[in-house]
Amino acid sequence: MPIRLERTLTAGLVVAYVAYTTHVTWLCDDAFITLRTVDNFLQGHGPTWNVVERVQCYTHPLWFLVLSASPASAMDWLC
């Protein structure tokens, strides 16, 4: 294999790995925030992170509504 092609493929794989890792790192954190908010909402405390603080903490309202409409699946993910 030519050295230029090998370097290009290696650089492409490194860029893809960094992009994927960066995306997944924040995705997991953001998903947990939404799931905890859904849990509080389904328990009757409203869509908040902490029960005593009235702050919107989820970043994607449509996903929040989908999870709130299907509490069984949301609770399975939390436990």
N, C-alpha and C. Protein backbone atom coordinates (compact mmCIF):
# COMPACT_ATOMS: atom_id res chain seq x y z
N MET A 1 0.86 -1.17 0.00
CA MET A 1 0.00 0.00 0.00
C MET A 1 0.91 1.24 0.00
N PRO A 2 0.59 2.20 -0.82
CA PRO A 2 1.39 3.43 -0.86
C PRO A 2 1.33 4.16 0.48
N ILE A 3 2.44 4.78 0.84
CA ILE A 3 2.56 5.45 2.14
C ILE A 3 1.57 6.60 2.28
N ARG A 4 1.29 7.31 1.18
CA ARG A 4 0.36 8.45 1.25
C ARG A 4 -1.06 7.96 1.55
N LEU A 5 -1.47 6.87 0.93
CA LEU A 5 -2.79 6.31 1.19
C LEU A 5 -2.89 5.82 2.63
N GLU A 6 -1.83 5.20 3.11
CA GLU A 6 -1.81 4.70 4.48
C GLU A 6 -1.94 5.85 5.49
N ARG A 7 -1.23 6.93 5.25
CA ARG A 7 -1.32 8.08 6.16
C ARG A 7 -2.70 8.73 6.11
N THR A 8 -3.27 8.81 4.92
CA THR A 8 -4.61 9.39 4.77
C THR A 8 -5.65 8.55 5.52
N LEU A 9 -5.57 7.24 5.37
CA LEU A 9 -6.50 6.36 6.07
C LEU A 9 -6.33 6.45 7.58
N THR A 10 -5.09 6.50 8.03
CA THR A 10 -4.82 6.61 9.47
C THR A 10 -5.37 7.93 10.02
N ALA A 11 -5.12 9.01 9.31
CA ALA A 11 -5.63 10.32 9.75
C ALA A 11 -7.15 10.32 9.77
N GLY A 12 -7.78 9.72 8.77
CA GLY A 12 -9.23 9.65 8.72
C GLY A 12 -9.80 8.85 9.88
N LEU A 13 -9.15 7.75 10.21
CA LEU A 13 -9.61 6.94 11.34
C LEU A 13 -9.45 7.68 12.67
N VAL A 14 -8.37 8.41 12.82
CA VAL A 14 -8.16 9.18 14.05
C VAL A 14 -9.22 10.27 14.18
N VAL A 15 -9.50 10.98 13.11
CA VAL A 15 -10.52 12.03 13.13
C VAL A 15 -11.89 11.43 13.44
N ALA A 16 -12.22 10.31 12.81
CA ALA A 16 -13.51 9.66 13.06
C ALA A 16 -13.62 9.20 14.52
N TYR A 17 -12.55 8.66 15.06
CA TYR A 17 -12.56 8.21 16.46
C TYR A 17 -12.76 9.37 17.42
N VAL A 18 -12.05 10.45 17.20
CA VAL A 18 -12.17 11.62 18.08
C VAL A 18 -13.58 12.21 17.98
N ALA A 19 -14.12 12.30 16.78
CA ALA A 19 -15.47 12.84 16.60
C ALA A 19 -16.50 11.95 17.30
N TYR A 20 -16.38 10.65 17.14
CA TYR A 20 -17.32 9.72 17.77
C TYR A 20 -17.22 9.78 19.30
N THR A 21 -16.00 9.75 19.81
CA THR A 21 -15.80 9.79 21.26
C THR A 21 -16.33 11.08 21.86
N THR A 22 -16.09 12.19 21.22
CA THR A 22 -16.59 13.47 21.70
C THR A 22 -18.11 13.49 21.71
N HIS A 23 -18.73 12.98 20.67
CA HIS A 23 -20.19 12.96 20.57
C HIS A 23 -20.80 12.07 21.65
N VAL A 24 -20.27 10.89 21.84
CA VAL A 24 -20.83 9.93 22.78
C VAL A 24 -20.65 10.39 24.23
N THR A 25 -19.56 11.05 24.53
CA THR A 25 -19.31 11.50 25.90
C THR A 25 -20.41 12.43 26.38
N TRP A 26 -20.74 13.43 25.61
CA TRP A 26 -21.78 14.38 26.03
C TRP A 26 -23.17 13.82 25.83
N LEU A 27 -23.34 12.91 24.92
CA LEU A 27 -24.64 12.30 24.70
C LEU A 27 -25.07 11.51 25.92
N CYS A 28 -24.18 10.75 26.52
CA CYS A 28 -24.52 9.95 27.70
C CYS A 28 -24.89 10.84 28.87
N ASP A 29 -24.14 11.89 29.08
CA ASP A 29 -24.41 12.81 30.18
C ASP A 29 -25.76 13.49 29.98
N ASP A 30 -26.03 13.92 28.78
CA ASP A 30 -27.28 14.61 28.49
C ASP A 30 -28.46 13.66 28.61
N ALA A 31 -28.29 12.42 28.22
CA ALA A 31 -29.37 11.44 28.33
C ALA A 31 -29.73 11.20 29.80
N PHE A 32 -28.74 11.11 30.66
CA PHE A 32 -29.02 10.90 32.08
C PHE A 32 -29.78 12.07 32.68
N ILE A 33 -29.42 13.28 32.28
CA ILE A 33 -30.11 14.47 32.78
C ILE A 33 -31.59 14.40 32.41
N THR A 34 -31.87 14.06 31.17
CA THR A 34 -33.26 13.97 30.72
C THR A 34 -34.00 12.84 31.44
N LEU A 35 -33.36 11.70 31.62
CA LEU A 35 -34.03 10.58 32.30
C LEU A 35 -34.35 10.91 33.76
N ARG A 36 -33.46 11.60 34.43
CA ARG A 36 -33.75 11.99 35.81
C ARG A 36 -34.89 13.00 35.85
N THR A 37 -34.92 13.90 34.89
CA THR A 37 -36.01 14.88 34.81
C THR A 37 -37.34 14.18 34.55
N VAL A 38 -37.34 13.20 33.66
CA VAL A 38 -38.56 12.42 33.40
C VAL A 38 -39.00 11.69 34.66
N ASP A 39 -38.06 11.12 35.39
CA ASP A 39 -38.39 10.42 36.63
C ASP A 39 -39.07 11.36 37.62
N ASN A 40 -38.51 12.55 37.81
CA ASN A 40 -39.14 13.52 38.71
C ASN A 40 -40.52 13.94 38.20
N PHE A 41 -40.65 14.12 36.90
CA PHE A 41 -41.93 14.51 36.31
C PHE A 41 -42.99 13.43 36.54
N LEU A 42 -42.62 12.17 36.33
CA LEU A 42 -43.58 11.08 36.49
C LEU A 42 -43.95 10.84 37.96
N GLN A 43 -43.10 11.26 38.87
CA GLN A 43 -43.42 11.14 40.29
C GLN A 43 -44.24 12.32 40.81
N GLY A 44 -44.53 13.28 39.91
CA GLY A 44 -45.39 14.39 40.28
C GLY A 44 -44.67 15.63 40.78
N HIS A 45 -43.36 15.70 40.60
CA HIS A 45 -42.59 16.85 41.07
C HIS A 45 -42.36 17.89 39.99
N GLY A 46 -42.83 17.65 38.79
CA GLY A 46 -42.60 18.57 37.69
C GLY A 46 -41.31 18.25 36.96
N PRO A 47 -41.11 18.88 35.81
CA PRO A 47 -39.91 18.59 35.00
C PRO A 47 -38.67 19.33 35.52
N THR A 48 -38.15 18.88 36.64
CA THR A 48 -36.99 19.53 37.26
C THR A 48 -35.91 18.50 37.58
N TRP A 49 -34.69 18.98 37.77
CA TRP A 49 -33.58 18.11 38.17
C TRP A 49 -33.68 17.80 39.66
N ASN A 50 -33.81 18.83 40.47
CA ASN A 50 -34.02 18.68 41.91
C ASN A 50 -35.45 19.11 42.22
N VAL A 51 -36.05 18.45 43.19
CA VAL A 51 -37.46 18.70 43.49
C VAL A 51 -37.70 20.13 43.95
N VAL A 52 -36.81 20.69 44.74
CA VAL A 52 -37.04 22.02 45.31
C VAL A 52 -36.69 23.16 44.34
N GLU A 53 -35.93 22.89 43.30
CA GLU A 53 -35.53 23.93 42.35
C GLU A 53 -36.39 23.85 41.09
N ARG A 54 -36.98 24.94 40.69
CA ARG A 54 -37.83 24.97 39.50
C ARG A 54 -37.01 25.48 38.31
N VAL A 55 -36.17 24.62 37.76
CA VAL A 55 -35.29 24.98 36.66
C VAL A 55 -35.45 23.95 35.55
N GLN A 56 -35.61 24.42 34.31
CA GLN A 56 -35.66 23.50 33.18
C GLN A 56 -34.24 23.01 32.91
N CYS A 57 -34.02 21.72 32.98
CA CYS A 57 -32.66 21.22 32.81
C CYS A 57 -32.52 20.28 31.62
N TYR A 58 -33.57 19.96 30.93
CA TYR A 58 -33.46 19.09 29.75
C TYR A 58 -33.20 19.95 28.52
N THR A 59 -32.49 19.39 27.55
CA THR A 59 -32.09 20.17 26.38
C THR A 59 -32.90 19.85 25.13
N HIS A 60 -33.71 18.83 25.19
CA HIS A 60 -34.50 18.46 24.02
C HIS A 60 -35.92 18.11 24.46
N PRO A 61 -36.82 19.07 24.37
CA PRO A 61 -38.19 18.89 24.87
C PRO A 61 -38.96 17.76 24.20
N LEU A 62 -38.73 17.54 22.91
CA LEU A 62 -39.47 16.47 22.23
C LEU A 62 -39.10 15.10 22.80
N TRP A 63 -37.82 14.85 23.02
CA TRP A 63 -37.38 13.58 23.61
C TRP A 63 -37.91 13.46 25.04
N PHE A 64 -37.96 14.55 25.77
CA PHE A 64 -38.53 14.55 27.11
C PHE A 64 -40.00 14.13 27.07
N LEU A 65 -40.75 14.67 26.11
CA LEU A 65 -42.17 14.31 25.99
C LEU A 65 -42.36 12.86 25.58
N VAL A 66 -41.52 12.37 24.69
CA VAL A 66 -41.62 10.96 24.26
C VAL A 66 -41.38 10.04 25.45
N LEU A 67 -40.34 10.31 26.23
CA LEU A 67 -40.06 9.47 27.40
C LEU A 67 -41.13 9.61 28.47
N SER A 68 -41.69 10.78 28.61
CA SER A 68 -42.75 10.98 29.60
C SER A 68 -44.02 10.24 29.20
N ALA A 69 -44.26 10.10 27.92
CA ALA A 69 -45.45 9.40 27.45
C ALA A 69 -45.31 7.89 27.58
N SER A 70 -44.10 7.41 27.70
CA SER A 70 -43.88 5.97 27.85
C SER A 70 -43.07 5.70 29.12
N PRO A 71 -43.71 5.80 30.28
CA PRO A 71 -42.97 5.70 31.53
C PRO A 71 -42.31 4.35 31.76
N ALA A 72 -42.86 3.28 31.22
CA ALA A 72 -42.25 1.96 31.45
C ALA A 72 -40.86 1.89 30.85
N SER A 73 -40.70 2.38 29.64
CA SER A 73 -39.38 2.33 29.01
C SER A 73 -38.41 3.28 29.69
N ALA A 74 -38.89 4.43 30.14
CA ALA A 74 -38.00 5.38 30.81
C ALA A 74 -37.51 4.81 32.14
N MET A 75 -38.38 4.16 32.87
CA MET A 75 -37.98 3.61 34.15
C MET A 75 -37.02 2.43 33.98
N ASP A 76 -37.18 1.66 32.92
CA ASP A 76 -36.25 0.56 32.66
C ASP A 76 -34.85 1.10 32.43
N TRP A 77 -34.73 2.22 31.75
CA TRP A 77 -33.42 2.80 31.47
C TRP A 77 -32.79 3.37 32.74
N LEU A 78 -33.61 3.86 33.66
CA LEU A 78 -33.06 4.45 34.87
C LEU A 78 -32.52 3.40 35.83
N CYS A 79 -33.15 2.27 35.88
CA CYS A 79 -32.77 1.26 36.88
C CYS A 79 -31.70 0.34 36.42
